[in-house]
Amino acid sequence: MIERVQLAQLPTPIEALPHLSKMLGGPQLFIKRDDLTGLGFGGNKTRKLEYLAADALAKGCQTLISTGAVQSNHCRQVAAAAARLGMGCILVLAGEKPEQPQGNLYLDLLSGAEINFVPKDQRDQALAEIALQAEAENRKPYLIPYGGSNAIGAMGYRQAMHELHEQDLNPDWIVFATSSGGTQAGMLLGARETGSQAKILGISVDKPAREFSETIAEIANAGAELLQLETRFRSEGILVNGDYSSAGYGVLTPAEKEAILLFARQEAILLDPVYTGRAAAGMLDLIQQGFFKPEEKVLFWHTGGTPALFAEPYCKKLLPT
């Protein structure tokens, strides 16, 4: 049995997007609100952390260690999970220390996380050294990979697909932001188990499609082994669109700005500038191209990240003075 600790407020709701559907004149649009999972402002990583933190506790660990960008949604939720469970938290953030903490970083500090800022090209080395130091100090560390994306973390979105199955929407497409691979890998596992016929389309925020689909297949297959399933996944069958990632990670383009403002002003739903903003921009472009059929149901899976809206340089670019 794979251990799990309750951290998220589940199930997250599914809402129709009637104004956007009518305005765009394409498929029926819905949204699954994983921005409402509840832990430290919520997000998709909370589902993964229910399994990763449970594994840490089962192994007697006392300190969660992970890494990400300065505005990492994942690290914000790791810090919140550690606080909820009475554990320590050490974060290794790739980038320079800002003069004033904002957005996700501000929330990391509120949750009591210890922060280490390192250059991006030194992150892996620093992470390993900090983990060794914590071990030497008898802090019993548990190292969580980037984005929580490994076989254990993937169990969160395997469970999420079972949850979606029980909500009885039966979408033709599921569209979402994909970056470290664990969310999509878990979805693939859960879809296989529930018999879902939905096409699972990840919009890559920072990686080429072919290279990334191989990473997703590796995580999904590791998850299948963990579950002792005979099923296996091939990268050729995994749907990743990398056409919208050329600007680079965390770069807010006019397309993301348009998507964020459309969702906010048409449906009162806040997207983030790094992940869901880019995925929504890609989905809107695909709708305009006629990629989806008018009679199809398209579920946009909101993976969270909204605290980044309150961090520079995003807030000035979204609403310049």
C-alpha atoms as a PDB file:
ATOM      1  CA  MET A   1       0.000   0.000   0.000  1.00  0.00           C
ATOM      2  CA  ILE A   2       1.276   3.476  -0.905  1.00  0.00           C
ATOM      3  CA  GLU A   3       1.127   5.787   2.106  1.00  0.00           C
ATOM      4  CA  ARG A   4      -0.766   9.078   1.948  1.00  0.00           C
ATOM      5  CA  VAL A   5      -1.245  11.966   4.366  1.00  0.00           C
ATOM      6  CA  GLN A   6      -4.165  14.368   4.040  1.00  0.00           C
ATOM      7  CA  LEU A   7      -3.032  17.871   3.050  1.00  0.00           C
ATOM      8  CA  ALA A   8      -5.436  18.955   0.295  1.00  0.00           C
ATOM      9  CA  GLN A   9      -9.064  20.008   0.350  1.00  0.00           C
ATOM     10  CA  LEU A  10     -10.584  17.487  -2.055  1.00  0.00           C
ATOM     11  CA  PRO A  11     -12.334  17.020  -4.349  1.00  0.00           C
ATOM     12  CA  THR A  12     -11.605  20.282  -6.124  1.00  0.00           C
ATOM     13  CA  PRO A  13     -14.597  21.653  -8.038  1.00  0.00           C
ATOM     14  CA  ILE A  14     -15.220  21.673 -11.768  1.00  0.00           C
ATOM     15  CA  GLU A  15     -16.775  24.833 -13.155  1.00  0.00           C
ATOM     16  CA  ALA A  16     -18.159  25.683 -16.570  1.00  0.00           C
ATOM     17  CA  LEU A  17     -16.632  28.634 -18.445  1.00  0.00           C
ATOM     18  CA  PRO A  18     -19.741  29.914 -20.255  1.00  0.00           C
ATOM     19  CA  HIS A  19     -18.533  33.401 -21.135  1.00  0.00           C
ATOM     20  CA  LEU A  20     -15.250  32.231 -22.651  1.00  0.00           C
ATOM     21  CA  SER A  21     -16.994  29.380 -24.463  1.00  0.00           C
ATOM     22  CA  LYS A  22     -19.466  31.799 -26.035  1.00  0.00           C
ATOM     23  CA  MET A  23     -16.878  34.444 -26.853  1.00  0.00           C
ATOM     24  CA  LEU A  24     -14.483  31.996 -28.516  1.00  0.00           C
ATOM     25  CA  GLY A  25     -17.186  30.085 -30.384  1.00  0.00           C
ATOM     26  CA  GLY A  26     -15.332  26.810 -30.059  1.00  0.00           C
ATOM     27  CA  PRO A  27     -15.696  23.793 -27.756  1.00  0.00           C
ATOM     28  CA  GLN A  28     -17.455  23.717 -24.384  1.00  0.00           C
ATOM     29  CA  LEU A  29     -14.901  24.884 -21.818  1.00  0.00           C
ATOM     30  CA  PHE A  30     -14.648  23.734 -18.209  1.00  0.00           C
ATOM     31  CA  ILE A  31     -12.031  24.233 -15.513  1.00  0.00           C
ATOM     32  CA  LYS A  32     -10.892  22.004 -12.640  1.00  0.00           C
ATOM     33  CA  ARG A  33      -9.832  24.180  -9.760  1.00  0.00           C
ATOM     34  CA  ASP A  34      -6.657  22.714  -8.301  1.00  0.00           C
ATOM     35  CA  ASP A  35      -5.762  26.255  -7.333  1.00  0.00           C
ATOM     36  CA  LEU A  36      -8.213  25.521  -4.492  1.00  0.00           C
ATOM     37  CA  THR A  37      -6.409  22.562  -2.919  1.00  0.00           C
ATOM     38  CA  GLY A  38      -5.944  24.790   0.110  1.00  0.00           C
ATOM     39  CA  LEU A  39      -2.390  24.249   1.351  1.00  0.00           C
ATOM     40  CA  GLY A  40      -0.473  27.541   1.401  1.00  0.00           C
ATOM     41  CA  PHE A  41      -2.692  29.038  -1.346  1.00  0.00           C
ATOM     42  CA  GLY A  42      -3.063  25.673  -3.056  1.00  0.00           C
ATOM     43  CA  GLY A  43      -1.905  24.215  -6.344  1.00  0.00           C
ATOM     44  CA  ASN A  44      -1.115  20.921  -7.995  1.00  0.00           C
ATOM     45  CA  LYS A  45       1.941  20.140  -5.876  1.00  0.00           C
ATOM     46  CA  THR A  46      -0.244  19.636  -2.808  1.00  0.00           C
ATOM     47  CA  ARG A  47      -1.617  16.429  -4.339  1.00  0.00           C
ATOM     48  CA  LYS A  48       1.928  15.151  -4.910  1.00  0.00           C
ATOM     49  CA  LEU A  49       3.013  16.144  -1.423  1.00  0.00           C
ATOM     50  CA  GLU A  50       0.302  14.010   0.153  1.00  0.00           C
ATOM     51  CA  TYR A  51       2.338  11.003  -1.006  1.00  0.00           C
ATOM     52  CA  LEU A  52       5.852  12.432  -0.775  1.00  0.00           C
ATOM     53  CA  ALA A  53       5.374  13.728   2.772  1.00  0.00           C
ATOM     54  CA  ALA A  54       3.787  10.423   3.794  1.00  0.00           C
ATOM     55  CA  ASP A  55       6.865   8.613   2.476  1.00  0.00           C
ATOM     56  CA  ALA A  56       9.091  11.002   4.413  1.00  0.00           C
ATOM     57  CA  LEU A  57       7.196  10.401   7.647  1.00  0.00           C
ATOM     58  CA  ALA A  58       7.205   6.629   7.110  1.00  0.00           C
ATOM     59  CA  LYS A  59      10.996   6.769   6.831  1.00  0.00           C
ATOM     60  CA  GLY A  60      11.332   8.778  10.036  1.00  0.00           C
ATOM     61  CA  CYS A  61      12.468  11.952   8.308  1.00  0.00           C
ATOM     62  CA  GLN A  62      12.106  15.325  10.003  1.00  0.00           C
ATOM     63  CA  THR A  63      13.136  17.896   7.376  1.00  0.00           C
ATOM     64  CA  LEU A  64      11.812  18.380   3.854  1.00  0.00           C
ATOM     65  CA  ILE A  65      14.364  19.670   1.346  1.00  0.00           C
ATOM     66  CA  SER A  66      13.540  20.731  -2.199  1.00  0.00           C
ATOM     67  CA  THR A  67      14.444  23.145  -4.964  1.00  0.00           C
ATOM     68  CA  GLY A  68      12.963  25.431  -7.581  1.00  0.00           C
ATOM     69  CA  ALA A  69      13.014  28.968  -8.926  1.00  0.00           C
ATOM     70  CA  VAL A  70      12.710  31.995  -6.646  1.00  0.00           C
ATOM     71  CA  GLN A  71       8.960  32.136  -7.411  1.00  0.00           C
ATOM     72  CA  SER A  72       8.508  28.360  -7.185  1.00  0.00           C
ATOM     73  CA  ASN A  73       4.941  27.238  -6.518  1.00  0.00           C
ATOM     74  CA  HIS A  74       6.282  23.807  -5.615  1.00  0.00           C
ATOM     75  CA  CYS A  75       8.622  25.158  -2.948  1.00  0.00           C
ATOM     76  CA  ARG A  76       5.838  27.295  -1.473  1.00  0.00           C
ATOM     77  CA  GLN A  77       3.719  24.176  -0.995  1.00  0.00           C
ATOM     78  CA  VAL A  78       6.655  22.149   0.371  1.00  0.00           C
ATOM     79  CA  ALA A  79       7.174  24.849   2.994  1.00  0.00           C
ATOM     80  CA  ALA A  80       3.473  24.828   3.851  1.00  0.00           C
ATOM     81  CA  ALA A  81       3.380  21.013   4.057  1.00  0.00           C
ATOM     82  CA  ALA A  82       6.356  21.018   6.411  1.00  0.00           C
ATOM     83  CA  ALA A  83       4.641  23.577   8.637  1.00  0.00           C
ATOM     84  CA  ARG A  84       1.391  21.578   8.635  1.00  0.00           C
ATOM     85  CA  LEU A  85       3.215  18.375   9.609  1.00  0.00           C
ATOM     86  CA  GLY A  86       5.560  19.892  12.188  1.00  0.00           C
ATOM     87  CA  MET A  87       8.647  19.273  10.060  1.00  0.00           C
ATOM     88  CA  GLY A  88      11.590  21.459   9.136  1.00  0.00           C
ATOM     89  CA  CYS A  89      11.986  22.823   5.599  1.00  0.00           C
ATOM     90  CA  ILE A  90      15.070  23.821   3.619  1.00  0.00           C
ATOM     91  CA  LEU A  91      14.667  25.305   0.132  1.00  0.00           C
ATOM     92  CA  VAL A  92      17.371  25.787  -2.491  1.00  0.00           C
ATOM     93  CA  LEU A  93      16.188  28.500  -4.864  1.00  0.00           C
ATOM     94  CA  ALA A  94      17.889  29.187  -8.181  1.00  0.00           C
ATOM     95  CA  GLY A  95      18.374  32.932  -8.569  1.00  0.00           C
ATOM     96  CA  GLU A  96      19.423  36.071  -6.751  1.00  0.00           C
ATOM     97  CA  LYS A  97      17.994  37.101  -3.417  1.00  0.00           C
ATOM     98  CA  PRO A  98      15.555  39.948  -4.048  1.00  0.00           C
ATOM     99  CA  GLU A  99      15.637  43.119  -2.002  1.00  0.00           C
ATOM    100  CA  GLN A 100      12.063  42.491  -0.854  1.00  0.00           C
ATOM    101  CA  PRO A 101      10.420  39.036  -0.722  1.00  0.00           C
ATOM    102  CA  GLN A 102       7.209  38.930  -2.762  1.00  0.00           C
ATOM    103  CA  GLY A 103       4.724  36.373  -4.033  1.00  0.00           C
ATOM    104  CA  ASN A 104       5.718  32.761  -3.412  1.00  0.00           C
ATOM    105  CA  LEU A 105       8.991  33.673  -1.721  1.00  0.00           C
ATOM    106  CA  TYR A 106       7.141  35.801   0.828  1.00  0.00           C
ATOM    107  CA  LEU A 107       4.925  32.808   1.613  1.00  0.00           C
ATOM    108  CA  ASP A 108       7.960  30.492   1.904  1.00  0.00           C
ATOM    109  CA  LEU A 109       9.298  32.736   4.643  1.00  0.00           C
ATOM    110  CA  LEU A 110       5.932  33.049   6.386  1.00  0.00           C
ATOM    111  CA  SER A 111       5.852  29.231   6.574  1.00  0.00           C
ATOM    112  CA  GLY A 112       9.249  29.213   8.279  1.00  0.00           C
ATOM    113  CA  ALA A 113      11.372  27.741   5.489  1.00  0.00           C
ATOM    114  CA  GLU A 114      15.143  28.171   5.483  1.00  0.00           C
ATOM    115  CA  ILE A 115      16.106  29.690   2.133  1.00  0.00           C
ATOM    116  CA  ASN A 116      19.343  29.237   0.205  1.00  0.00           C
ATOM    117  CA  PHE A 117      19.813  31.299  -2.977  1.00  0.00           C
ATOM    118  CA  VAL A 118      22.229  29.832  -5.522  1.00  0.00           C
ATOM    119  CA  PRO A 119      23.048  30.363  -9.221  1.00  0.00           C
ATOM    120  CA  LYS A 120      20.985  28.081 -11.441  1.00  0.00           C
ATOM    121  CA  ASP A 121      24.030  26.203 -12.744  1.00  0.00           C
ATOM    122  CA  GLN A 122      25.100  25.422  -9.160  1.00  0.00           C
ATOM    123  CA  ARG A 123      21.690  24.328  -7.883  1.00  0.00           C
ATOM    124  CA  ASP A 124      22.155  20.563  -8.069  1.00  0.00           C
ATOM    125  CA  GLN A 125      25.538  20.675  -6.359  1.00  0.00           C
ATOM    126  CA  ALA A 126      24.249  23.014  -3.651  1.00  0.00           C
ATOM    127  CA  LEU A 127      21.208  20.812  -3.090  1.00  0.00           C
ATOM    128  CA  ALA A 128      23.361  17.737  -2.566  1.00  0.00           C
ATOM    129  CA  GLU A 129      25.710  19.567  -0.200  1.00  0.00           C
ATOM    130  CA  ILE A 130      22.875  21.021   1.868  1.00  0.00           C
ATOM    131  CA  ALA A 131      21.229  17.602   2.156  1.00  0.00           C
ATOM    132  CA  LEU A 132      24.525  16.095   3.375  1.00  0.00           C
ATOM    133  CA  GLN A 133      24.936  18.890   5.903  1.00  0.00           C
ATOM    134  CA  ALA A 134      21.404  18.348   7.218  1.00  0.00           C
ATOM    135  CA  GLU A 135      22.147  14.629   7.543  1.00  0.00           C
ATOM    136  CA  ALA A 136      25.350  15.377   9.471  1.00  0.00           C
ATOM    137  CA  GLU A 137      23.338  17.625  11.799  1.00  0.00           C
ATOM    138  CA  ASN A 138      20.907  14.744  12.428  1.00  0.00           C
ATOM    139  CA  ARG A 139      17.998  16.691  10.948  1.00  0.00           C
ATOM    140  CA  LYS A 140      16.876  13.543   9.104  1.00  0.00           C
ATOM    141  CA  PRO A 141      16.321  15.117   5.694  1.00  0.00           C
ATOM    142  CA  TYR A 142      13.991  13.920   2.943  1.00  0.00           C
ATOM    143  CA  LEU A 143      14.920  15.168  -0.513  1.00  0.00           C
ATOM    144  CA  ILE A 144      11.947  16.006  -2.751  1.00  0.00           C
ATOM    145  CA  PRO A 145      12.832  16.283  -6.456  1.00  0.00           C
ATOM    146  CA  TYR A 146      12.175  19.337  -8.587  1.00  0.00           C
ATOM    147  CA  GLY A 147       8.412  19.753  -8.919  1.00  0.00           C
ATOM    148  CA  GLY A 148       7.820  16.693  -6.757  1.00  0.00           C
ATOM    149  CA  SER A 149       8.014  14.717  -9.977  1.00  0.00           C
ATOM    150  CA  ASN A 150       8.927  11.106  -9.372  1.00  0.00           C
ATOM    151  CA  ALA A 151       6.981   7.855  -9.104  1.00  0.00           C
ATOM    152  CA  ILE A 152       5.722   8.639  -5.596  1.00  0.00           C
ATOM    153  CA  GLY A 153       4.709  12.199  -6.457  1.00  0.00           C
ATOM    154  CA  ALA A 154       2.883  10.984  -9.557  1.00  0.00           C
ATOM    155  CA  MET A 155       0.449   9.129  -7.303  1.00  0.00           C
ATOM    156  CA  GLY A 156      -1.182  12.483  -6.572  1.00  0.00           C
ATOM    157  CA  TYR A 157      -2.489  12.883 -10.105  1.00  0.00           C
ATOM    158  CA  ARG A 158      -3.234   9.218 -10.466  1.00  0.00           C
ATOM    159  CA  GLN A 159      -5.648   9.776  -7.562  1.00  0.00           C
ATOM    160  CA  ALA A 160      -6.864  13.026  -9.173  1.00  0.00           C
ATOM    161  CA  MET A 161      -7.989  11.143 -12.277  1.00  0.00           C
ATOM    162  CA  HIS A 162     -10.015   8.794 -10.089  1.00  0.00           C
ATOM    163  CA  GLU A 163     -11.543  11.910  -8.524  1.00  0.00           C
ATOM    164  CA  LEU A 164     -12.362  13.326 -11.957  1.00  0.00           C
ATOM    165  CA  HIS A 165     -13.944  10.006 -12.940  1.00  0.00           C
ATOM    166  CA  GLU A 166     -16.277  10.254  -9.944  1.00  0.00           C
ATOM    167  CA  GLN A 167     -17.261  13.812 -10.920  1.00  0.00           C
ATOM    168  CA  ASP A 168     -18.711  12.399 -14.146  1.00  0.00           C
ATOM    169  CA  LEU A 169     -17.779  15.171 -16.589  1.00  0.00           C
ATOM    170  CA  ASN A 170     -16.172  12.842 -19.174  1.00  0.00           C
ATOM    171  CA  PRO A 171     -14.177  15.502 -21.071  1.00  0.00           C
ATOM    172  CA  ASP A 172     -12.842  14.867 -24.556  1.00  0.00           C
ATOM    173  CA  TRP A 173      -9.670  16.806 -23.762  1.00  0.00           C
ATOM    174  CA  ILE A 174      -7.740  17.698 -20.620  1.00  0.00           C
ATOM    175  CA  VAL A 175      -5.407  20.675 -21.111  1.00  0.00           C
ATOM    176  CA  PHE A 176      -2.930  21.921 -18.492  1.00  0.00           C
ATOM    177  CA  ALA A 177       0.548  23.330 -17.928  1.00  0.00           C
ATOM    178  CA  THR A 178       3.341  20.772 -17.815  1.00  0.00           C
ATOM    179  CA  SER A 179       6.907  21.408 -16.693  1.00  0.00           C
ATOM    180  CA  SER A 180       8.551  18.742 -14.509  1.00  0.00           C
ATOM    181  CA  GLY A 181       6.373  15.881 -15.764  1.00  0.00           C
ATOM    182  CA  GLY A 182       4.884  14.368 -12.640  1.00  0.00           C
ATOM    183  CA  THR A 183       1.393  15.787 -13.064  1.00  0.00           C
ATOM    184  CA  GLN A 184       1.001  14.434 -16.589  1.00  0.00           C
ATOM    185  CA  ALA A 185       2.581  11.096 -15.671  1.00  0.00           C
ATOM    186  CA  GLY A 186       0.087  10.673 -12.846  1.00  0.00           C
ATOM    187  CA  MET A 187      -2.805  11.609 -15.115  1.00  0.00           C
ATOM    188  CA  LEU A 188      -1.741   8.941 -17.586  1.00  0.00           C
ATOM    189  CA  LEU A 189      -1.680   6.315 -14.837  1.00  0.00           C
ATOM    190  CA  GLY A 190      -5.077   7.315 -13.493  1.00  0.00           C
ATOM    191  CA  ALA A 191      -6.607   7.492 -16.969  1.00  0.00           C
ATOM    192  CA  ARG A 192      -5.395   3.973 -17.732  1.00  0.00           C
ATOM    193  CA  GLU A 193      -6.904   2.660 -14.488  1.00  0.00           C
ATOM    194  CA  THR A 194     -10.270   4.423 -14.856  1.00  0.00           C
ATOM    195  CA  GLY A 195     -10.652   3.800 -18.580  1.00  0.00           C
ATOM    196  CA  SER A 196     -10.826   7.505 -19.326  1.00  0.00           C
ATOM    197  CA  GLN A 197     -10.975   8.291 -23.040  1.00  0.00           C
ATOM    198  CA  ALA A 198      -9.911  11.913 -22.570  1.00  0.00           C
ATOM    199  CA  LYS A 199      -6.909  13.086 -24.557  1.00  0.00           C
ATOM    200  CA  ILE A 200      -4.386  14.391 -22.035  1.00  0.00           C
ATOM    201  CA  LEU A 201      -2.586  17.377 -23.569  1.00  0.00           C
ATOM    202  CA  GLY A 202       0.198  19.079 -21.664  1.00  0.00           C
ATOM    203  CA  ILE A 203       1.252  22.555 -22.764  1.00  0.00           C
ATOM    204  CA  SER A 204       4.973  22.692 -22.054  1.00  0.00           C
ATOM    205  CA  VAL A 205       6.092  25.893 -20.391  1.00  0.00           C
ATOM    206  CA  ASP A 206       9.809  25.425 -20.969  1.00  0.00           C
ATOM    207  CA  LYS A 207      10.849  22.225 -22.784  1.00  0.00           C
ATOM    208  CA  PRO A 208      10.720  20.801 -26.328  1.00  0.00           C
ATOM    209  CA  ALA A 209       7.859  18.343 -26.762  1.00  0.00           C
ATOM    210  CA  ARG A 210       9.807  15.268 -27.878  1.00  0.00           C
ATOM    211  CA  GLU A 211      12.427  15.463 -25.163  1.00  0.00           C
ATOM    212  CA  PHE A 212       9.836  16.122 -22.496  1.00  0.00           C
ATOM    213  CA  SER A 213       7.491  13.303 -23.518  1.00  0.00           C
ATOM    214  CA  GLU A 214      10.325  10.869 -22.819  1.00  0.00           C
ATOM    215  CA  THR A 215      10.696  12.251 -19.284  1.00  0.00           C
ATOM    216  CA  ILE A 216       6.953  11.882 -18.680  1.00  0.00           C
ATOM    217  CA  ALA A 217       7.015   8.291 -19.944  1.00  0.00           C
ATOM    218  CA  GLU A 218       9.871   7.448 -17.558  1.00  0.00           C
ATOM    219  CA  ILE A 219       7.979   8.828 -14.552  1.00  0.00           C
ATOM    220  CA  ALA A 220       4.732   7.112 -15.583  1.00  0.00           C
ATOM    221  CA  ASN A 221       6.497   3.783 -16.044  1.00  0.00           C
ATOM    222  CA  ALA A 222       8.216   4.121 -12.670  1.00  0.00           C
ATOM    223  CA  GLY A 223       4.786   4.789 -11.187  1.00  0.00           C
ATOM    224  CA  ALA A 224       3.363   1.704 -12.902  1.00  0.00           C
ATOM    225  CA  GLU A 225       6.151  -0.387 -11.374  1.00  0.00           C
ATOM    226  CA  LEU A 226       5.448   1.099  -7.959  1.00  0.00           C
ATOM    227  CA  LEU A 227       1.800   0.077  -8.353  1.00  0.00           C
ATOM    228  CA  GLN A 228       2.848  -3.342  -9.676  1.00  0.00           C
ATOM    229  CA  LEU A 229       0.917  -2.745 -12.905  1.00  0.00           C
ATOM    230  CA  GLU A 230       1.819  -4.507 -16.100  1.00  0.00           C
ATOM    231  CA  THR A 231       0.901  -1.460 -18.209  1.00  0.00           C
ATOM    232  CA  ARG A 232       3.686   0.637 -19.720  1.00  0.00           C
ATOM    233  CA  PHE A 233       3.791   3.944 -21.582  1.00  0.00           C
ATOM    234  CA  ARG A 234       5.680   4.973 -24.701  1.00  0.00           C
ATOM    235  CA  SER A 235       6.770   8.550 -25.299  1.00  0.00           C
ATOM    236  CA  GLU A 236       5.258   8.483 -28.799  1.00  0.00           C
ATOM    237  CA  GLY A 237       1.760   8.233 -27.347  1.00  0.00           C
ATOM    238  CA  ILE A 238       2.138  11.114 -24.888  1.00  0.00           C
ATOM    239  CA  LEU A 239       0.618  14.435 -25.988  1.00  0.00           C
ATOM    240  CA  VAL A 240       2.861  17.431 -25.306  1.00  0.00           C
ATOM    241  CA  ASN A 241       2.699  20.719 -27.172  1.00  0.00           C
ATOM    242  CA  GLY A 242       5.956  22.652 -26.967  1.00  0.00           C
ATOM    243  CA  ASP A 243       4.985  25.385 -29.434  1.00  0.00           C
ATOM    244  CA  TYR A 244       4.450  27.989 -26.726  1.00  0.00           C
ATOM    245  CA  SER A 245       7.662  27.524 -24.730  1.00  0.00           C
ATOM    246  CA  SER A 246      10.163  29.385 -26.903  1.00  0.00           C
ATOM    247  CA  ALA A 247      10.105  32.565 -24.798  1.00  0.00           C
ATOM    248  CA  GLY A 248      11.630  30.616 -21.913  1.00  0.00           C
ATOM    249  CA  TYR A 249      10.655  29.801 -18.359  1.00  0.00           C
ATOM    250  CA  GLY A 250       8.895  32.557 -16.453  1.00  0.00           C
ATOM    251  CA  VAL A 251       8.872  35.057 -19.331  1.00  0.00           C
ATOM    252  CA  LEU A 252       5.537  36.856 -19.592  1.00  0.00           C
ATOM    253  CA  THR A 253       4.646  37.427 -23.251  1.00  0.00           C
ATOM    254  CA  PRO A 254       1.637  39.308 -24.682  1.00  0.00           C
ATOM    255  CA  ALA A 255      -0.119  35.947 -25.203  1.00  0.00           C
ATOM    256  CA  GLU A 256       0.068  35.049 -21.500  1.00  0.00           C
ATOM    257  CA  LYS A 257      -1.017  38.557 -20.533  1.00  0.00           C
ATOM    258  CA  GLU A 258      -4.059  38.299 -22.811  1.00  0.00           C
ATOM    259  CA  ALA A 259      -5.008  34.899 -21.400  1.00  0.00           C
ATOM    260  CA  ILE A 260      -4.686  36.060 -17.776  1.00  0.00           C
ATOM    261  CA  LEU A 261      -6.814  39.150 -18.411  1.00  0.00           C
ATOM    262  CA  LEU A 262      -9.437  37.179 -20.347  1.00  0.00           C
ATOM    263  CA  PHE A 263      -9.883  34.595 -17.594  1.00  0.00           C
ATOM    264  CA  ALA A 264      -9.985  37.293 -14.901  1.00  0.00           C
ATOM    265  CA  ARG A 265     -12.428  39.571 -16.711  1.00  0.00           C
ATOM    266  CA  GLN A 266     -14.651  36.961 -18.343  1.00  0.00           C
ATOM    267  CA  GLU A 267     -14.795  34.271 -15.645  1.00  0.00           C
ATOM    268  CA  ALA A 268     -13.337  35.848 -12.454  1.00  0.00           C
ATOM    269  CA  ILE A 269     -10.619  33.180 -12.396  1.00  0.00           C
ATOM    270  CA  LEU A 270      -7.018  34.130 -11.665  1.00  0.00           C
ATOM    271  CA  LEU A 271      -4.263  32.382 -13.597  1.00  0.00           C
ATOM    272  CA  ASP A 272      -0.555  32.693 -12.890  1.00  0.00           C
ATOM    273  CA  PRO A 273       2.074  34.241 -15.178  1.00  0.00           C
ATOM    274  CA  VAL A 274       4.372  31.216 -15.452  1.00  0.00           C
ATOM    275  CA  TYR A 275       2.293  28.032 -15.784  1.00  0.00           C
ATOM    276  CA  THR A 276      -1.459  28.390 -16.157  1.00  0.00           C
ATOM    277  CA  GLY A 277      -1.132  31.662 -18.054  1.00  0.00           C
ATOM    278  CA  ARG A 278       1.049  29.982 -20.651  1.00  0.00           C
ATOM    279  CA  ALA A 279      -1.126  26.855 -20.845  1.00  0.00           C
ATOM    280  CA  ALA A 280      -4.281  28.952 -21.217  1.00  0.00           C
ATOM    281  CA  ALA A 281      -2.646  31.063 -23.924  1.00  0.00           C
ATOM    282  CA  GLY A 282      -1.779  27.877 -25.784  1.00  0.00           C
ATOM    283  CA  MET A 283      -5.295  26.511 -25.399  1.00  0.00           C
ATOM    284  CA  LEU A 284      -6.834  29.777 -26.651  1.00  0.00           C
ATOM    285  CA  ASP A 285      -4.565  29.720 -29.690  1.00  0.00           C
ATOM    286  CA  LEU A 286      -5.498  26.108 -30.425  1.00  0.00           C
ATOM    287  CA  ILE A 287      -9.191  27.012 -30.206  1.00  0.00           C
ATOM    288  CA  GLN A 288      -8.672  29.841 -32.674  1.00  0.00           C
ATOM    289  CA  GLN A 289      -6.921  27.417 -35.024  1.00  0.00           C
ATOM    290  CA  GLY A 290      -9.919  25.051 -34.879  1.00  0.00           C
ATOM    291  CA  PHE A 291      -7.866  22.333 -33.175  1.00  0.00           C
ATOM    292  CA  PHE A 292     -10.810  21.234 -31.007  1.00  0.00           C
ATOM    293  CA  LYS A 293     -14.198  20.286 -32.445  1.00  0.00           C
ATOM    294  CA  PRO A 294     -17.144  22.542 -31.519  1.00  0.00           C
ATOM    295  CA  GLU A 295     -19.045  19.663 -29.914  1.00  0.00           C
ATOM    296  CA  GLU A 296     -16.136  18.587 -27.700  1.00  0.00           C
ATOM    297  CA  LYS A 297     -15.733  19.209 -23.971  1.00  0.00           C
ATOM    298  CA  VAL A 298     -12.350  20.688 -23.065  1.00  0.00           C
ATOM    299  CA  LEU A 299     -11.328  20.659 -19.393  1.00  0.00           C
ATOM    300  CA  PHE A 300      -8.643  23.174 -18.467  1.00  0.00           C
ATOM    301  CA  TRP A 301      -6.954  21.874 -15.321  1.00  0.00           C
ATOM    302  CA  HIS A 302      -5.875  24.837 -13.190  1.00  0.00           C
ATOM    303  CA  THR A 303      -2.638  23.818 -11.463  1.00  0.00           C
ATOM    304  CA  GLY A 304      -2.372  26.900  -9.242  1.00  0.00           C
ATOM    305  CA  GLY A 305       0.445  29.412  -8.904  1.00  0.00           C
ATOM    306  CA  THR A 306      -1.523  32.620  -8.407  1.00  0.00           C
ATOM    307  CA  PRO A 307       0.770  34.121  -5.688  1.00  0.00           C
ATOM    308  CA  ALA A 308       3.262  34.908  -8.478  1.00  0.00           C
ATOM    309  CA  LEU A 309       0.789  37.525  -9.731  1.00  0.00           C
ATOM    310  CA  PHE A 310       1.883  39.668  -6.786  1.00  0.00           C
ATOM    311  CA  ALA A 311       5.612  39.457  -7.539  1.00  0.00           C
ATOM    312  CA  GLU A 312       7.783  41.667  -9.696  1.00  0.00           C
ATOM    313  CA  PRO A 313       8.119  41.938 -12.607  1.00  0.00           C
ATOM    314  CA  TYR A 314       4.758  40.305 -13.351  1.00  0.00           C
ATOM    315  CA  CYS A 315       2.373  42.704 -11.631  1.00  0.00           C
ATOM    316  CA  LYS A 316       3.810  45.736 -13.430  1.00  0.00           C
ATOM    317  CA  LYS A 317       3.723  43.989 -16.789  1.00  0.00           C
ATOM    318  CA  LEU A 318       0.114  42.867 -16.325  1.00  0.00           C
ATOM    319  CA  LEU A 319      -1.154  46.280 -15.192  1.00  0.00           C
ATOM    320  CA  PRO A 320       1.450  48.908 -16.115  1.00  0.00           C
ATOM    321  CA  THR A 321       1.030  52.289 -14.460  1.00  0.00           C
END
